[in-house]
Amino acid sequence: MHGAATSAALLTPADVAIGISHSGATRETLEPFEMAKERGATTVAITTDPRSALAKAADIRLISSSSETIFPGRTGSIGGRHSVLVLIDCLYVRVAQLTYQRASASLALTDHITPQHAVKNRRTR
């Protein structure tokens, strides 16, 4: 919460703030989101409830939908989380497409990191 609020306080009209909340009513998401909007940032909500406070506060709304039964003892469906991840992946790919030169340069500078931290597959006998 503190990190999100600090980040939101530093945003400008040239920035974008993305709020992600299944219900769209999570205070920890909504408060920094509203602060980002007050700072002039473009706000994008990813939620399953188009009538939620988060959706209403957003400049752009991405509504996730899935039909799945709720696993006993859990609120919010696992399928709902997956549909949000698909939206995030689509946004990531589109930003990379729109900033291809920068994205390519960033990948070139960082592509050595993952292999260095991979654990070799050990077979048990």
C-alpha atoms as a PDB file:
ATOM      1  CA  MET A   1       0.000   0.000   0.000  1.00  0.00           C
ATOM      2  CA  HIS A   2       2.739   2.465   0.933  1.00  0.00           C
ATOM      3  CA  GLY A   3       4.765   1.651  -2.177  1.00  0.00           C
ATOM      4  CA  ALA A   4       1.717   2.087  -4.404  1.00  0.00           C
ATOM      5  CA  ALA A   5       0.789   5.399  -2.776  1.00  0.00           C
ATOM      6  CA  THR A   6       4.364   6.662  -3.090  1.00  0.00           C
ATOM      7  CA  SER A   7       4.478   5.686  -6.758  1.00  0.00           C
ATOM      8  CA  ALA A   8       1.094   7.295  -7.413  1.00  0.00           C
ATOM      9  CA  ALA A   9       2.194  10.553  -5.770  1.00  0.00           C
ATOM     10  CA  LEU A  10       5.096  10.789  -8.235  1.00  0.00           C
ATOM     11  CA  LEU A  11       3.023  10.345 -11.404  1.00  0.00           C
ATOM     12  CA  THR A  12       2.441  13.053 -13.986  1.00  0.00           C
ATOM     13  CA  PRO A  13       0.006  13.517 -16.880  1.00  0.00           C
ATOM     14  CA  ALA A  14       2.575  11.700 -19.061  1.00  0.00           C
ATOM     15  CA  ASP A  15       2.146   8.504 -16.983  1.00  0.00           C
ATOM     16  CA  VAL A  16      -0.342   5.651 -16.816  1.00  0.00           C
ATOM     17  CA  ALA A  17      -1.552   3.965 -13.625  1.00  0.00           C
ATOM     18  CA  ILE A  18      -3.075   0.497 -13.788  1.00  0.00           C
ATOM     19  CA  GLY A  19      -5.306  -0.722 -10.967  1.00  0.00           C
ATOM     20  CA  ILE A  20      -6.041  -4.458 -10.781  1.00  0.00           C
ATOM     21  CA  SER A  21      -8.788  -5.715  -8.493  1.00  0.00           C
ATOM     22  CA  HIS A  22     -11.165  -8.647  -8.981  1.00  0.00           C
ATOM     23  CA  SER A  23     -13.960  -6.905  -7.094  1.00  0.00           C
ATOM     24  CA  GLY A  24     -12.926  -3.358  -7.967  1.00  0.00           C
ATOM     25  CA  ALA A  25     -13.581  -2.461  -4.347  1.00  0.00           C
ATOM     26  CA  THR A  26     -10.187  -3.111  -2.755  1.00  0.00           C
ATOM     27  CA  ARG A  27      -9.144  -0.058  -0.755  1.00  0.00           C
ATOM     28  CA  GLU A  28      -5.456  -0.838  -1.186  1.00  0.00           C
ATOM     29  CA  THR A  29      -5.935  -0.598  -4.968  1.00  0.00           C
ATOM     30  CA  LEU A  30      -8.484   2.203  -5.085  1.00  0.00           C
ATOM     31  CA  GLU A  31      -6.709   4.792  -2.898  1.00  0.00           C
ATOM     32  CA  PRO A  32      -3.419   4.937  -4.871  1.00  0.00           C
ATOM     33  CA  PHE A  33      -5.436   4.727  -8.097  1.00  0.00           C
ATOM     34  CA  GLU A  34      -7.441   7.811  -7.160  1.00  0.00           C
ATOM     35  CA  MET A  35      -4.227   9.601  -6.151  1.00  0.00           C
ATOM     36  CA  ALA A  36      -2.740   8.800  -9.571  1.00  0.00           C
ATOM     37  CA  LYS A  37      -5.847  10.254 -11.217  1.00  0.00           C
ATOM     38  CA  GLU A  38      -5.555  13.428  -9.105  1.00  0.00           C
ATOM     39  CA  ARG A  39      -1.932  13.749 -10.291  1.00  0.00           C
ATOM     40  CA  GLY A  40      -3.213  13.696 -13.876  1.00  0.00           C
ATOM     41  CA  ALA A  41      -2.089  10.196 -14.869  1.00  0.00           C
ATOM     42  CA  THR A  42      -4.254   8.219 -17.274  1.00  0.00           C
ATOM     43  CA  THR A  43      -5.916   5.485 -15.233  1.00  0.00           C
ATOM     44  CA  VAL A  44      -6.691   1.958 -16.440  1.00  0.00           C
ATOM     45  CA  ALA A  45      -8.810  -0.407 -14.350  1.00  0.00           C
ATOM     46  CA  ILE A  46      -8.699  -4.181 -14.738  1.00  0.00           C
ATOM     47  CA  THR A  47     -11.624  -5.678 -12.852  1.00  0.00           C
ATOM     48  CA  THR A  48     -14.552  -8.055 -13.195  1.00  0.00           C
ATOM     49  CA  ASP A  49     -17.107  -5.506 -11.994  1.00  0.00           C
ATOM     50  CA  PRO A  50     -17.825  -2.694 -14.473  1.00  0.00           C
ATOM     51  CA  ARG A  51     -19.904  -0.893 -11.815  1.00  0.00           C
ATOM     52  CA  SER A  52     -17.217  -0.986  -9.123  1.00  0.00           C
ATOM     53  CA  ALA A  53     -15.560   2.052  -7.584  1.00  0.00           C
ATOM     54  CA  LEU A  54     -12.326   1.192  -9.425  1.00  0.00           C
ATOM     55  CA  ALA A  55     -14.073   0.998 -12.796  1.00  0.00           C
ATOM     56  CA  LYS A  56     -15.930   4.254 -12.156  1.00  0.00           C
ATOM     57  CA  ALA A  57     -12.686   6.047 -11.249  1.00  0.00           C
ATOM     58  CA  ALA A  58     -10.872   4.846 -14.390  1.00  0.00           C
ATOM     59  CA  ASP A  59     -10.323   6.614 -17.677  1.00  0.00           C
ATOM     60  CA  ILE A  60     -10.093   3.207 -19.381  1.00  0.00           C
ATOM     61  CA  ARG A  61     -11.826   0.046 -18.175  1.00  0.00           C
ATOM     62  CA  LEU A  62     -10.759  -3.489 -19.066  1.00  0.00           C
ATOM     63  CA  ILE A  63     -13.418  -5.869 -17.805  1.00  0.00           C
ATOM     64  CA  SER A  64     -12.399  -9.463 -17.215  1.00  0.00           C
ATOM     65  CA  SER A  65     -14.955 -12.220 -17.324  1.00  0.00           C
ATOM     66  CA  SER A  66     -14.980 -15.921 -16.647  1.00  0.00           C
ATOM     67  CA  SER A  67     -17.520 -18.485 -15.613  1.00  0.00           C
ATOM     68  CA  GLU A  68     -16.241 -20.914 -13.038  1.00  0.00           C
ATOM     69  CA  THR A  69     -17.430 -22.251  -9.752  1.00  0.00           C
ATOM     70  CA  ILE A  70     -15.617 -20.943  -6.717  1.00  0.00           C
ATOM     71  CA  PHE A  71     -13.224 -23.351  -5.073  1.00  0.00           C
ATOM     72  CA  PRO A  72     -14.491 -24.077  -1.545  1.00  0.00           C
ATOM     73  CA  GLY A  73     -13.090 -21.647   0.970  1.00  0.00           C
ATOM     74  CA  ARG A  74     -11.863 -19.117  -1.626  1.00  0.00           C
ATOM     75  CA  THR A  75     -13.459 -15.875  -2.694  1.00  0.00           C
ATOM     76  CA  GLY A  76     -13.079 -15.012  -6.367  1.00  0.00           C
ATOM     77  CA  SER A  77     -12.566 -17.691  -8.968  1.00  0.00           C
ATOM     78  CA  ILE A  78      -9.258 -19.059 -10.140  1.00  0.00           C
ATOM     79  CA  GLY A  79     -10.524 -18.631 -13.705  1.00  0.00           C
ATOM     80  CA  GLY A  80     -11.101 -14.947 -12.960  1.00  0.00           C
ATOM     81  CA  ARG A  81      -7.458 -14.567 -12.021  1.00  0.00           C
ATOM     82  CA  HIS A  82      -6.383 -16.281 -15.221  1.00  0.00           C
ATOM     83  CA  SER A  83      -8.535 -14.007 -17.358  1.00  0.00           C
ATOM     84  CA  VAL A  84      -6.882 -10.982 -15.711  1.00  0.00           C
ATOM     85  CA  LEU A  85      -3.435 -12.433 -16.430  1.00  0.00           C
ATOM     86  CA  VAL A  86      -4.399 -12.820 -20.102  1.00  0.00           C
ATOM     87  CA  LEU A  87      -5.344  -9.126 -20.207  1.00  0.00           C
ATOM     88  CA  ILE A  88      -2.029  -8.170 -18.599  1.00  0.00           C
ATOM     89  CA  ASP A  89      -0.103 -10.322 -21.085  1.00  0.00           C
ATOM     90  CA  CYS A  90      -1.947  -8.667 -23.971  1.00  0.00           C
ATOM     91  CA  LEU A  91      -1.085  -5.216 -22.617  1.00  0.00           C
ATOM     92  CA  TYR A  92       2.563  -6.215 -22.213  1.00  0.00           C
ATOM     93  CA  VAL A  93       2.781  -7.465 -25.799  1.00  0.00           C
ATOM     94  CA  ARG A  94       1.062  -4.362 -27.183  1.00  0.00           C
ATOM     95  CA  VAL A  95       3.363  -1.982 -25.318  1.00  0.00           C
ATOM     96  CA  ALA A  96       6.357  -3.976 -26.583  1.00  0.00           C
ATOM     97  CA  GLN A  97       4.985  -3.707 -30.133  1.00  0.00           C
ATOM     98  CA  LEU A  98       4.480   0.039 -29.846  1.00  0.00           C
ATOM     99  CA  THR A  99       7.951   0.564 -28.394  1.00  0.00           C
ATOM    100  CA  TYR A 100       9.734  -2.110 -30.388  1.00  0.00           C
ATOM    101  CA  GLN A 101      13.174  -0.481 -30.492  1.00  0.00           C
ATOM    102  CA  ARG A 102      13.235   0.172 -26.745  1.00  0.00           C
ATOM    103  CA  ALA A 103      11.756  -3.237 -25.905  1.00  0.00           C
ATOM    104  CA  SER A 104      14.317  -5.002 -28.118  1.00  0.00           C
ATOM    105  CA  ALA A 105      17.193  -3.079 -26.543  1.00  0.00           C
ATOM    106  CA  SER A 106      15.922  -3.892 -23.043  1.00  0.00           C
ATOM    107  CA  LEU A 107      15.613  -7.590 -23.860  1.00  0.00           C
ATOM    108  CA  ALA A 108      19.124  -7.620 -25.313  1.00  0.00           C
ATOM    109  CA  LEU A 109      20.492  -6.085 -22.105  1.00  0.00           C
ATOM    110  CA  THR A 110      18.708  -8.542 -19.832  1.00  0.00           C
ATOM    111  CA  ASP A 111      18.426 -11.852 -21.708  1.00  0.00           C
ATOM    112  CA  HIS A 112      21.510 -13.245 -19.935  1.00  0.00           C
ATOM    113  CA  ILE A 113      19.934 -12.989 -16.470  1.00  0.00           C
ATOM    114  CA  THR A 114      17.451 -15.883 -16.493  1.00  0.00           C
ATOM    115  CA  PRO A 115      19.849 -18.612 -17.721  1.00  0.00           C
ATOM    116  CA  GLN A 116      22.363 -17.661 -15.022  1.00  0.00           C
ATOM    117  CA  HIS A 117      19.785 -18.394 -12.320  1.00  0.00           C
ATOM    118  CA  ALA A 118      18.322 -21.590 -13.754  1.00  0.00           C
ATOM    119  CA  VAL A 119      18.656 -24.667 -11.565  1.00  0.00           C
ATOM    120  CA  LYS A 120      19.926 -27.647 -13.495  1.00  0.00           C
ATOM    121  CA  ASN A 121      17.502 -30.530 -13.685  1.00  0.00           C
ATOM    122  CA  ARG A 122      18.626 -33.186 -11.197  1.00  0.00           C
ATOM    123  CA  ARG A 123      17.400 -36.695 -11.655  1.00  0.00           C
ATOM    124  CA  THR A 124      16.778 -38.752  -8.560  1.00  0.00           C
ATOM    125  CA  ARG A 125      17.965 -42.363  -8.651  1.00  0.00           C
END
